[in-house]
Amino acid sequence: MDKNYVFNQRIRLRHLHTFVAVAQQGTLGRAAETLSLSQPALSKTLNELEELAGTRLFERGRLGAQLTTMGEQFLTHAVKVLDALNHAGQSFTSAISDQPVVLRVGALTTAAMGMLPSILDRFHQLQPQATVQVATLHNNVLIAGLKAGEFDIGIGRMADSDMMAGLTYELLFLESLRLVVRPEHPLLSDNVTLSKALQWPVVISPEGTAPRRIAQAMMDEQGCTLPANCIETSSTSLARQLAQRYDYVWFVPSGAIKEDLLHHSLAALPIASHGPGEPVGIMTRSGSQHCLSAEILLATIRKCHSG
């Protein structure tokens, strides 16, 4: 029997919802919580999907579930199917003239923490009737979701030309990497160098991420290596607590700790980042038509960033 026929006959919506949830959340545990499922039930559904696909869609390890190359390709199709069904369902609902506008924004976690609070406050002063749905995601998932119509606006990092095909990109800033510690950390009273900072426990982003690549380039440049007592995580909330409460040195994109530095809950070590930084900007689908509220949100993003 034709493999494609079997796939089309046996795949179910629960397979797609499970797959997209794991891709967005990064771990089976968080995805199961999002879908209100037990982790064994979610794992079973994911295994069924990979069996139907005839290939692994995720590499599961201690850092969570990472999309394989085939998984990244399938993600684009999966979100398109779910988005099409969502729009089909909405078509059965009669339009109501005073129904609030809903804008869907996908953003890097660092952008959401550093930029979006002031942007959303200013936007709602201008558009109090609009609802904004914000999802924080890894950059490749953000781009795939934006292409598939899951988001109206994205705030993320520039990727390679193949991934950015079909998207319009507008640079906002170059995001540098900072090393931060609690204000009472002993390193702040020392003539600190990267080598001395790495004698303390470290919190750093997982391998394969832009912040980790920059951090690795800094260490390679100065002949340093990560200490054994190292925490690898993509959770900024966990990393922040470790840095604020204990003696961890946190390698973090500058956008994520803007408010922490302003309110002196964290202090930056005087260690220069490697290179000019990673480009962060606005992403939209090429040729897409935006409603008035979306145009106002885009203008607000630009204005808040420019000061």
C-alpha atoms as a PDB file:
ATOM      1  CA  MET A   1       0.000   0.000   0.000  1.00  0.00           C
ATOM      2  CA  ASP A   2       1.286   3.479  -0.886  1.00  0.00           C
ATOM      3  CA  LYS A   3       3.039   5.081   2.110  1.00  0.00           C
ATOM      4  CA  ASN A   4       1.589   8.521   1.424  1.00  0.00           C
ATOM      5  CA  TYR A   5      -1.944   7.046   1.267  1.00  0.00           C
ATOM      6  CA  VAL A   6      -1.454   5.346   4.641  1.00  0.00           C
ATOM      7  CA  PHE A   7      -0.114   8.571   6.142  1.00  0.00           C
ATOM      8  CA  ASN A   8      -3.086  10.606   4.895  1.00  0.00           C
ATOM      9  CA  GLN A   9      -5.613   8.025   6.073  1.00  0.00           C
ATOM     10  CA  ARG A  10      -4.201   7.497   9.554  1.00  0.00           C
ATOM     11  CA  ILE A  11      -2.923  10.902  10.661  1.00  0.00           C
ATOM     12  CA  ARG A  12      -5.191  12.691  13.124  1.00  0.00           C
ATOM     13  CA  LEU A  13      -5.425  16.240  14.438  1.00  0.00           C
ATOM     14  CA  ARG A  14      -4.110  15.084  17.816  1.00  0.00           C
ATOM     15  CA  HIS A  15      -0.857  14.117  16.071  1.00  0.00           C
ATOM     16  CA  LEU A  16      -0.470  17.631  14.664  1.00  0.00           C
ATOM     17  CA  HIS A  17      -1.431  19.390  17.914  1.00  0.00           C
ATOM     18  CA  THR A  18       1.040  17.232  19.835  1.00  0.00           C
ATOM     19  CA  PHE A  19       3.846  17.761  17.327  1.00  0.00           C
ATOM     20  CA  VAL A  20       3.437  21.562  17.208  1.00  0.00           C
ATOM     21  CA  ALA A  21       3.166  21.810  21.009  1.00  0.00           C
ATOM     22  CA  VAL A  22       6.439  19.910  21.506  1.00  0.00           C
ATOM     23  CA  ALA A  23       8.164  22.037  18.838  1.00  0.00           C
ATOM     24  CA  GLN A  24       6.983  25.247  20.519  1.00  0.00           C
ATOM     25  CA  GLN A  25       7.587  24.234  24.134  1.00  0.00           C
ATOM     26  CA  GLY A  26      10.894  22.433  23.637  1.00  0.00           C
ATOM     27  CA  THR A  27      10.168  19.622  26.109  1.00  0.00           C
ATOM     28  CA  LEU A  28       7.597  16.830  26.297  1.00  0.00           C
ATOM     29  CA  GLY A  29       6.719  17.792  29.862  1.00  0.00           C
ATOM     30  CA  ARG A  30       5.817  21.405  29.069  1.00  0.00           C
ATOM     31  CA  ALA A  31       3.953  20.339  25.903  1.00  0.00           C
ATOM     32  CA  ALA A  32       1.922  17.777  27.882  1.00  0.00           C
ATOM     33  CA  GLU A  33       1.022  20.464  30.423  1.00  0.00           C
ATOM     34  CA  THR A  34      -0.036  22.839  27.624  1.00  0.00           C
ATOM     35  CA  LEU A  35      -2.308  20.186  26.089  1.00  0.00           C
ATOM     36  CA  SER A  36      -3.593  18.934  29.495  1.00  0.00           C
ATOM     37  CA  LEU A  37      -2.247  15.450  28.745  1.00  0.00           C
ATOM     38  CA  SER A  38      -0.114  13.028  30.694  1.00  0.00           C
ATOM     39  CA  GLN A  39       3.464  12.772  29.418  1.00  0.00           C
ATOM     40  CA  PRO A  40       3.093   9.029  28.580  1.00  0.00           C
ATOM     41  CA  ALA A  41      -0.021   9.808  26.488  1.00  0.00           C
ATOM     42  CA  LEU A  42       1.809  12.594  24.676  1.00  0.00           C
ATOM     43  CA  SER A  43       4.846  10.366  24.050  1.00  0.00           C
ATOM     44  CA  LYS A  44       2.592   7.663  22.621  1.00  0.00           C
ATOM     45  CA  THR A  45       0.965  10.108  20.193  1.00  0.00           C
ATOM     46  CA  LEU A  46       4.366  11.463  19.139  1.00  0.00           C
ATOM     47  CA  ASN A  47       5.682   7.939  18.569  1.00  0.00           C
ATOM     48  CA  GLU A  48       2.611   7.158  16.438  1.00  0.00           C
ATOM     49  CA  LEU A  49       3.307  10.239  14.292  1.00  0.00           C
ATOM     50  CA  GLU A  50       6.974   9.354  13.804  1.00  0.00           C
ATOM     51  CA  GLU A  51       5.965   5.815  12.861  1.00  0.00           C
ATOM     52  CA  LEU A  52       3.517   7.180  10.269  1.00  0.00           C
ATOM     53  CA  ALA A  53       6.162   9.586   8.971  1.00  0.00           C
ATOM     54  CA  GLY A  54       8.787   6.845   8.864  1.00  0.00           C
ATOM     55  CA  THR A  55      11.415   9.120  10.384  1.00  0.00           C
ATOM     56  CA  ARG A  56      12.384  10.816  13.626  1.00  0.00           C
ATOM     57  CA  LEU A  57      10.976  14.312  13.963  1.00  0.00           C
ATOM     58  CA  PHE A  58      12.700  15.135  17.266  1.00  0.00           C
ATOM     59  CA  GLU A  59      15.997  14.305  18.908  1.00  0.00           C
ATOM     60  CA  ARG A  60      15.206  13.774  22.590  1.00  0.00           C
ATOM     61  CA  GLY A  61      17.964  14.461  25.091  1.00  0.00           C
ATOM     62  CA  ARG A  62      18.786  16.028  28.424  1.00  0.00           C
ATOM     63  CA  LEU A  63      18.114  19.504  27.017  1.00  0.00           C
ATOM     64  CA  GLY A  64      14.637  18.590  25.760  1.00  0.00           C
ATOM     65  CA  ALA A  65      13.260  17.795  22.324  1.00  0.00           C
ATOM     66  CA  GLN A  66      15.107  19.343  19.362  1.00  0.00           C
ATOM     67  CA  LEU A  67      13.595  19.282  15.865  1.00  0.00           C
ATOM     68  CA  THR A  68      15.436  17.195  13.285  1.00  0.00           C
ATOM     69  CA  THR A  69      15.824  18.495   9.736  1.00  0.00           C
ATOM     70  CA  MET A  70      12.737  16.520   8.700  1.00  0.00           C
ATOM     71  CA  GLY A  71      10.934  17.814  11.781  1.00  0.00           C
ATOM     72  CA  GLU A  72      11.620  21.423  10.815  1.00  0.00           C
ATOM     73  CA  GLN A  73      10.224  20.751   7.327  1.00  0.00           C
ATOM     74  CA  PHE A  74       7.117  19.045   8.719  1.00  0.00           C
ATOM     75  CA  LEU A  75       6.541  21.893  11.215  1.00  0.00           C
ATOM     76  CA  THR A  76       5.804  24.329   8.387  1.00  0.00           C
ATOM     77  CA  HIS A  77       3.121  22.020   6.972  1.00  0.00           C
ATOM     78  CA  ALA A  78       1.638  21.179  10.380  1.00  0.00           C
ATOM     79  CA  VAL A  79       1.088  24.790  11.410  1.00  0.00           C
ATOM     80  CA  LYS A  80      -0.413  25.544   7.988  1.00  0.00           C
ATOM     81  CA  VAL A  81      -2.974  22.770   8.453  1.00  0.00           C
ATOM     82  CA  LEU A  82      -3.902  23.879  11.977  1.00  0.00           C
ATOM     83  CA  ASP A  83      -4.080  27.523  10.941  1.00  0.00           C
ATOM     84  CA  ALA A  84      -6.321  26.662   7.961  1.00  0.00           C
ATOM     85  CA  LEU A  85      -8.676  24.750  10.239  1.00  0.00           C
ATOM     86  CA  ASN A  86      -8.743  27.662  12.661  1.00  0.00           C
ATOM     87  CA  HIS A  87      -9.719  30.042   9.871  1.00  0.00           C
ATOM     88  CA  ALA A  88     -12.344  27.574   8.629  1.00  0.00           C
ATOM     89  CA  GLY A  89     -13.888  27.490  12.085  1.00  0.00           C
ATOM     90  CA  GLN A  90     -13.911  31.274  12.261  1.00  0.00           C
ATOM     91  CA  SER A  91     -15.751  31.420   8.932  1.00  0.00           C
ATOM     92  CA  PHE A  92     -18.806  29.859  10.588  1.00  0.00           C
ATOM     93  CA  THR A  93     -18.990  32.724  13.044  1.00  0.00           C
ATOM     94  CA  SER A  94     -20.913  35.726  11.824  1.00  0.00           C
ATOM     95  CA  ALA A  95     -18.936  38.923  11.782  1.00  0.00           C
ATOM     96  CA  ILE A  96     -19.797  41.249  14.623  1.00  0.00           C
ATOM     97  CA  SER A  97     -19.062  44.906  14.034  1.00  0.00           C
ATOM     98  CA  ASP A  98     -17.871  45.615  17.565  1.00  0.00           C
ATOM     99  CA  GLN A  99     -15.849  42.397  17.853  1.00  0.00           C
ATOM    100  CA  PRO A 100     -12.339  43.297  19.084  1.00  0.00           C
ATOM    101  CA  VAL A 101      -9.373  43.008  16.731  1.00  0.00           C
ATOM    102  CA  VAL A 102      -7.011  40.136  17.613  1.00  0.00           C
ATOM    103  CA  LEU A 103      -3.332  40.502  16.719  1.00  0.00           C
ATOM    104  CA  ARG A 104      -0.982  37.535  17.009  1.00  0.00           C
ATOM    105  CA  VAL A 105       2.654  38.287  17.821  1.00  0.00           C
ATOM    106  CA  GLY A 106       5.508  35.798  17.961  1.00  0.00           C
ATOM    107  CA  ALA A 107       8.659  36.972  19.726  1.00  0.00           C
ATOM    108  CA  LEU A 108      11.966  35.788  21.068  1.00  0.00           C
ATOM    109  CA  THR A 109      11.869  35.503  24.852  1.00  0.00           C
ATOM    110  CA  THR A 110      14.533  38.199  25.192  1.00  0.00           C
ATOM    111  CA  ALA A 111      12.547  40.565  22.977  1.00  0.00           C
ATOM    112  CA  ALA A 112       9.342  39.858  24.870  1.00  0.00           C
ATOM    113  CA  MET A 113      10.983  40.700  28.175  1.00  0.00           C
ATOM    114  CA  GLY A 114      13.049  43.669  27.054  1.00  0.00           C
ATOM    115  CA  MET A 115      10.790  45.381  24.511  1.00  0.00           C
ATOM    116  CA  LEU A 116       7.192  44.259  24.619  1.00  0.00           C
ATOM    117  CA  PRO A 117       5.991  45.543  28.019  1.00  0.00           C
ATOM    118  CA  SER A 118       6.450  49.213  27.077  1.00  0.00           C
ATOM    119  CA  ILE A 119       5.300  48.571  23.492  1.00  0.00           C
ATOM    120  CA  LEU A 120       2.065  46.883  24.550  1.00  0.00           C
ATOM    121  CA  ASP A 121       1.277  49.550  27.145  1.00  0.00           C
ATOM    122  CA  ARG A 122       1.691  52.326  24.584  1.00  0.00           C
ATOM    123  CA  PHE A 123      -0.222  50.383  21.925  1.00  0.00           C
ATOM    124  CA  HIS A 124      -3.237  49.819  24.183  1.00  0.00           C
ATOM    125  CA  GLN A 125      -3.390  53.514  24.953  1.00  0.00           C
ATOM    126  CA  LEU A 126      -3.919  53.988  21.205  1.00  0.00           C
ATOM    127  CA  GLN A 127      -5.993  50.838  20.548  1.00  0.00           C
ATOM    128  CA  PRO A 128      -7.838  49.896  23.771  1.00  0.00           C
ATOM    129  CA  GLN A 129     -10.253  47.630  21.869  1.00  0.00           C
ATOM    130  CA  ALA A 130      -7.504  45.374  20.437  1.00  0.00           C
ATOM    131  CA  THR A 131      -6.467  42.019  21.868  1.00  0.00           C
ATOM    132  CA  VAL A 132      -2.825  41.010  21.451  1.00  0.00           C
ATOM    133  CA  GLN A 133      -1.868  37.340  21.707  1.00  0.00           C
ATOM    134  CA  VAL A 134       1.855  36.918  22.406  1.00  0.00           C
ATOM    135  CA  ALA A 135       3.811  33.663  22.062  1.00  0.00           C
ATOM    136  CA  THR A 136       7.498  33.415  23.010  1.00  0.00           C
ATOM    137  CA  LEU A 137       9.388  30.916  20.854  1.00  0.00           C
ATOM    138  CA  HIS A 138      12.750  29.790  19.551  1.00  0.00           C
ATOM    139  CA  ASN A 139      13.694  31.631  16.373  1.00  0.00           C
ATOM    140  CA  ASN A 140      13.243  28.737  13.908  1.00  0.00           C
ATOM    141  CA  VAL A 141       9.779  27.932  15.301  1.00  0.00           C
ATOM    142  CA  LEU A 142       8.855  31.623  15.206  1.00  0.00           C
ATOM    143  CA  ILE A 143       9.848  31.885  11.533  1.00  0.00           C
ATOM    144  CA  ALA A 144       7.956  28.709  10.584  1.00  0.00           C
ATOM    145  CA  GLY A 145       4.841  29.920  12.403  1.00  0.00           C
ATOM    146  CA  LEU A 146       5.026  33.333  10.771  1.00  0.00           C
ATOM    147  CA  LYS A 147       5.311  31.791   7.294  1.00  0.00           C
ATOM    148  CA  ALA A 148       2.334  29.551   8.012  1.00  0.00           C
ATOM    149  CA  GLY A 149       0.146  32.469   9.087  1.00  0.00           C
ATOM    150  CA  GLU A 150       0.179  31.549  12.780  1.00  0.00           C
ATOM    151  CA  PHE A 151       1.409  35.065  13.619  1.00  0.00           C
ATOM    152  CA  ASP A 152       0.749  38.483  12.125  1.00  0.00           C
ATOM    153  CA  ILE A 153       4.012  39.999  13.344  1.00  0.00           C
ATOM    154  CA  GLY A 154       7.281  38.452  14.493  1.00  0.00           C
ATOM    155  CA  ILE A 155      10.159  39.918  16.480  1.00  0.00           C
ATOM    156  CA  GLY A 156      13.193  37.719  15.988  1.00  0.00           C
ATOM    157  CA  ARG A 157      16.699  37.227  14.696  1.00  0.00           C
ATOM    158  CA  MET A 158      17.778  37.296  11.076  1.00  0.00           C
ATOM    159  CA  ALA A 159      18.265  33.747   9.777  1.00  0.00           C
ATOM    160  CA  ASP A 160      19.819  32.379   6.574  1.00  0.00           C
ATOM    161  CA  SER A 161      18.280  33.310   3.233  1.00  0.00           C
ATOM    162  CA  ASP A 162      16.461  29.986   2.761  1.00  0.00           C
ATOM    163  CA  MET A 163      14.657  30.288   6.100  1.00  0.00           C
ATOM    164  CA  MET A 164      13.820  33.969   5.485  1.00  0.00           C
ATOM    165  CA  ALA A 165      12.300  33.331   2.039  1.00  0.00           C
ATOM    166  CA  GLY A 166       8.810  34.823   1.882  1.00  0.00           C
ATOM    167  CA  LEU A 167       9.407  37.148   4.827  1.00  0.00           C
ATOM    168  CA  THR A 168      10.162  40.858   5.079  1.00  0.00           C
ATOM    169  CA  TYR A 169      12.739  41.812   7.707  1.00  0.00           C
ATOM    170  CA  GLU A 170      13.271  45.238   9.296  1.00  0.00           C
ATOM    171  CA  LEU A 171      16.294  45.641  11.582  1.00  0.00           C
ATOM    172  CA  LEU A 172      15.608  47.128  15.016  1.00  0.00           C
ATOM    173  CA  PHE A 173      18.924  46.659  16.819  1.00  0.00           C
ATOM    174  CA  LEU A 174      21.977  44.461  17.281  1.00  0.00           C
ATOM    175  CA  GLU A 175      21.652  42.423  20.463  1.00  0.00           C
ATOM    176  CA  SER A 176      24.912  41.928  22.353  1.00  0.00           C
ATOM    177  CA  LEU A 177      25.731  39.276  24.938  1.00  0.00           C
ATOM    178  CA  ARG A 178      26.312  40.359  28.546  1.00  0.00           C
ATOM    179  CA  LEU A 179      27.722  38.571  31.565  1.00  0.00           C
ATOM    180  CA  VAL A 180      25.664  39.452  34.638  1.00  0.00           C
ATOM    181  CA  VAL A 181      25.735  38.561  38.332  1.00  0.00           C
ATOM    182  CA  ARG A 182      23.946  39.564  41.534  1.00  0.00           C
ATOM    183  CA  PRO A 183      24.954  43.059  42.792  1.00  0.00           C
ATOM    184  CA  GLU A 184      26.826  41.593  45.805  1.00  0.00           C
ATOM    185  CA  HIS A 185      28.821  39.067  43.770  1.00  0.00           C
ATOM    186  CA  PRO A 186      32.530  38.861  44.745  1.00  0.00           C
ATOM    187  CA  LEU A 187      33.551  39.263  41.076  1.00  0.00           C
ATOM    188  CA  LEU A 188      32.419  42.905  41.146  1.00  0.00           C
ATOM    189  CA  SER A 189      35.173  43.787  43.626  1.00  0.00           C
ATOM    190  CA  ASP A 190      37.821  42.069  41.521  1.00  0.00           C
ATOM    191  CA  ASN A 191      39.749  43.029  38.388  1.00  0.00           C
ATOM    192  CA  VAL A 192      37.504  40.715  36.425  1.00  0.00           C
ATOM    193  CA  THR A 193      38.420  38.885  33.218  1.00  0.00           C
ATOM    194  CA  LEU A 194      36.542  36.200  31.307  1.00  0.00           C
ATOM    195  CA  SER A 195      38.932  33.593  32.699  1.00  0.00           C
ATOM    196  CA  LYS A 196      38.173  34.685  36.282  1.00  0.00           C
ATOM    197  CA  ALA A 197      34.425  34.806  35.600  1.00  0.00           C
ATOM    198  CA  LEU A 198      34.533  31.197  34.387  1.00  0.00           C
ATOM    199  CA  GLN A 199      35.940  30.087  37.741  1.00  0.00           C
ATOM    200  CA  TRP A 200      32.401  30.564  39.051  1.00  0.00           C
ATOM    201  CA  PRO A 201      29.336  28.472  38.137  1.00  0.00           C
ATOM    202  CA  VAL A 202      27.787  29.530  34.814  1.00  0.00           C
ATOM    203  CA  VAL A 203      24.277  29.738  33.341  1.00  0.00           C
ATOM    204  CA  ILE A 204      24.289  29.653  29.547  1.00  0.00           C
ATOM    205  CA  SER A 205      21.955  28.994  26.594  1.00  0.00           C
ATOM    206  CA  PRO A 206      21.880  25.508  25.017  1.00  0.00           C
ATOM    207  CA  GLU A 207      24.065  24.551  22.066  1.00  0.00           C
ATOM    208  CA  GLY A 208      22.679  25.534  18.669  1.00  0.00           C
ATOM    209  CA  THR A 209      21.349  28.905  19.861  1.00  0.00           C
ATOM    210  CA  ALA A 210      22.692  32.312  18.833  1.00  0.00           C
ATOM    211  CA  PRO A 211      23.643  33.364  22.409  1.00  0.00           C
ATOM    212  CA  ARG A 212      25.608  30.128  22.843  1.00  0.00           C
ATOM    213  CA  ARG A 213      27.473  30.674  19.564  1.00  0.00           C
ATOM    214  CA  ILE A 214      28.511  34.169  20.667  1.00  0.00           C
ATOM    215  CA  ALA A 215      29.554  32.924  24.111  1.00  0.00           C
ATOM    216  CA  GLN A 216      31.599  30.109  22.545  1.00  0.00           C
ATOM    217  CA  ALA A 217      33.329  32.596  20.221  1.00  0.00           C
ATOM    218  CA  MET A 218      34.249  34.757  23.250  1.00  0.00           C
ATOM    219  CA  MET A 219      35.715  31.754  25.054  1.00  0.00           C
ATOM    220  CA  ASP A 220      37.571  30.474  21.979  1.00  0.00           C
ATOM    221  CA  GLU A 221      39.036  33.932  21.400  1.00  0.00           C
ATOM    222  CA  GLN A 222      40.475  34.039  24.913  1.00  0.00           C
ATOM    223  CA  GLY A 223      41.364  30.368  25.228  1.00  0.00           C
ATOM    224  CA  CYS A 224      38.747  29.654  27.910  1.00  0.00           C
ATOM    225  CA  THR A 225      36.412  26.730  28.476  1.00  0.00           C
ATOM    226  CA  LEU A 226      33.128  26.350  30.338  1.00  0.00           C
ATOM    227  CA  PRO A 227      33.398  25.132  33.937  1.00  0.00           C
ATOM    228  CA  ALA A 228      31.983  21.748  34.893  1.00  0.00           C
ATOM    229  CA  ASN A 229      29.420  23.379  37.233  1.00  0.00           C
ATOM    230  CA  CYS A 230      27.420  24.796  34.335  1.00  0.00           C
ATOM    231  CA  ILE A 231      23.655  25.108  33.822  1.00  0.00           C
ATOM    232  CA  GLU A 232      22.436  24.982  30.199  1.00  0.00           C
ATOM    233  CA  THR A 233      18.892  26.303  29.815  1.00  0.00           C
ATOM    234  CA  SER A 234      16.668  28.319  27.498  1.00  0.00           C
ATOM    235  CA  SER A 235      14.516  29.390  30.466  1.00  0.00           C
ATOM    236  CA  THR A 236      15.255  33.035  31.256  1.00  0.00           C
ATOM    237  CA  SER A 237      13.163  32.878  34.434  1.00  0.00           C
ATOM    238  CA  LEU A 238      15.263  30.006  35.829  1.00  0.00           C
ATOM    239  CA  ALA A 239      18.523  31.652  34.748  1.00  0.00           C
ATOM    240  CA  ARG A 240      17.473  34.959  36.313  1.00  0.00           C
ATOM    241  CA  GLN A 241      16.713  33.345  39.677  1.00  0.00           C
ATOM    242  CA  LEU A 242      20.058  31.522  39.685  1.00  0.00           C
ATOM    243  CA  ALA A 243      21.945  34.739  38.923  1.00  0.00           C
ATOM    244  CA  GLN A 244      20.000  36.921  41.372  1.00  0.00           C
ATOM    245  CA  ARG A 245      20.014  34.537  44.326  1.00  0.00           C
ATOM    246  CA  TYR A 246      23.305  32.679  44.004  1.00  0.00           C
ATOM    247  CA  ASP A 247      26.821  33.080  42.612  1.00  0.00           C
ATOM    248  CA  TYR A 248      26.100  32.065  38.996  1.00  0.00           C
ATOM    249  CA  VAL A 249      27.501  34.087  36.100  1.00  0.00           C
ATOM    250  CA  TRP A 250      24.773  34.402  33.460  1.00  0.00           C
ATOM    251  CA  PHE A 251      25.622  34.717  29.733  1.00  0.00           C
ATOM    252  CA  VAL A 252      22.508  36.524  28.500  1.00  0.00           C
ATOM    253  CA  PRO A 253      21.348  38.609  25.507  1.00  0.00           C
ATOM    254  CA  SER A 254      21.181  42.270  26.494  1.00  0.00           C
ATOM    255  CA  GLY A 255      17.455  42.590  25.799  1.00  0.00           C
ATOM    256  CA  ALA A 256      16.526  40.108  28.516  1.00  0.00           C
ATOM    257  CA  ILE A 257      18.144  42.031  31.376  1.00  0.00           C
ATOM    258  CA  LYS A 258      17.429  45.654  30.456  1.00  0.00           C
ATOM    259  CA  GLU A 259      15.034  46.133  33.396  1.00  0.00           C
ATOM    260  CA  ASP A 260      17.256  44.140  35.770  1.00  0.00           C
ATOM    261  CA  LEU A 261      20.184  46.478  35.135  1.00  0.00           C
ATOM    262  CA  LEU A 262      17.966  49.557  35.367  1.00  0.00           C
ATOM    263  CA  HIS A 263      16.604  48.501  38.775  1.00  0.00           C
ATOM    264  CA  HIS A 264      19.974  47.114  39.977  1.00  0.00           C
ATOM    265  CA  SER A 265      18.693  43.589  40.574  1.00  0.00           C
ATOM    266  CA  LEU A 266      21.591  42.370  38.403  1.00  0.00           C
ATOM    267  CA  ALA A 267      24.967  43.888  37.573  1.00  0.00           C
ATOM    268  CA  ALA A 268      26.926  43.534  34.332  1.00  0.00           C
ATOM    269  CA  LEU A 269      30.548  42.455  34.383  1.00  0.00           C
ATOM    270  CA  PRO A 270      32.886  44.715  32.355  1.00  0.00           C
ATOM    271  CA  ILE A 271      33.585  42.026  29.752  1.00  0.00           C
ATOM    272  CA  ALA A 272      33.041  42.933  26.100  1.00  0.00           C
ATOM    273  CA  SER A 273      30.799  40.785  23.922  1.00  0.00           C
ATOM    274  CA  HIS A 274      32.243  39.101  20.836  1.00  0.00           C
ATOM    275  CA  GLY A 275      31.415  40.843  17.553  1.00  0.00           C
ATOM    276  CA  PRO A 276      28.787  43.502  16.836  1.00  0.00           C
ATOM    277  CA  GLY A 277      25.864  41.406  18.118  1.00  0.00           C
ATOM    278  CA  GLU A 278      22.946  39.466  16.655  1.00  0.00           C
ATOM    279  CA  PRO A 279      20.448  41.388  14.462  1.00  0.00           C
ATOM    280  CA  VAL A 280      16.940  41.505  15.955  1.00  0.00           C
ATOM    281  CA  GLY A 281      14.077  42.967  13.958  1.00  0.00           C
ATOM    282  CA  ILE A 282      10.465  42.941  12.822  1.00  0.00           C
ATOM    283  CA  MET A 283       9.392  40.087  10.550  1.00  0.00           C
ATOM    284  CA  THR A 284       6.200  39.959   8.496  1.00  0.00           C
ATOM    285  CA  ARG A 285       5.039  37.891   5.528  1.00  0.00           C
ATOM    286  CA  SER A 286       6.027  39.485   2.239  1.00  0.00           C
ATOM    287  CA  GLY A 287       3.089  41.121   0.480  1.00  0.00           C
ATOM    288  CA  SER A 288       0.694  40.645   3.405  1.00  0.00           C
ATOM    289  CA  GLN A 289      -1.938  43.324   4.021  1.00  0.00           C
ATOM    290  CA  HIS A 290      -2.154  44.557   7.602  1.00  0.00           C
ATOM    291  CA  CYS A 291      -5.242  45.894   9.325  1.00  0.00           C
ATOM    292  CA  LEU A 292      -5.127  49.358  10.898  1.00  0.00           C
ATOM    293  CA  SER A 293      -4.424  47.973  14.388  1.00  0.00           C
ATOM    294  CA  ALA A 294      -1.501  45.921  13.066  1.00  0.00           C
ATOM    295  CA  GLU A 295      -0.057  49.007  11.357  1.00  0.00           C
ATOM    296  CA  ILE A 296      -0.386  50.928  14.630  1.00  0.00           C
ATOM    297  CA  LEU A 297       1.361  48.114  16.502  1.00  0.00           C
ATOM    298  CA  LEU A 298       4.204  48.087  13.951  1.00  0.00           C
ATOM    299  CA  ALA A 299       4.562  51.867  14.273  1.00  0.00           C
ATOM    300  CA  THR A 300       4.580  51.541  18.068  1.00  0.00           C
ATOM    301  CA  ILE A 301       7.356  48.941  17.940  1.00  0.00           C
ATOM    302  CA  ARG A 302       9.480  51.251  15.795  1.00  0.00           C
ATOM    303  CA  LYS A 303       8.780  54.300  17.981  1.00  0.00           C
ATOM    304  CA  CYS A 304       9.473  52.532  21.286  1.00  0.00           C
ATOM    305  CA  HIS A 305      12.741  51.189  19.984  1.00  0.00           C
ATOM    306  CA  SER A 306      13.890  54.542  18.612  1.00  0.00           C
ATOM    307  CA  GLY A 307      13.248  56.073  22.023  1.00  0.00           C
END
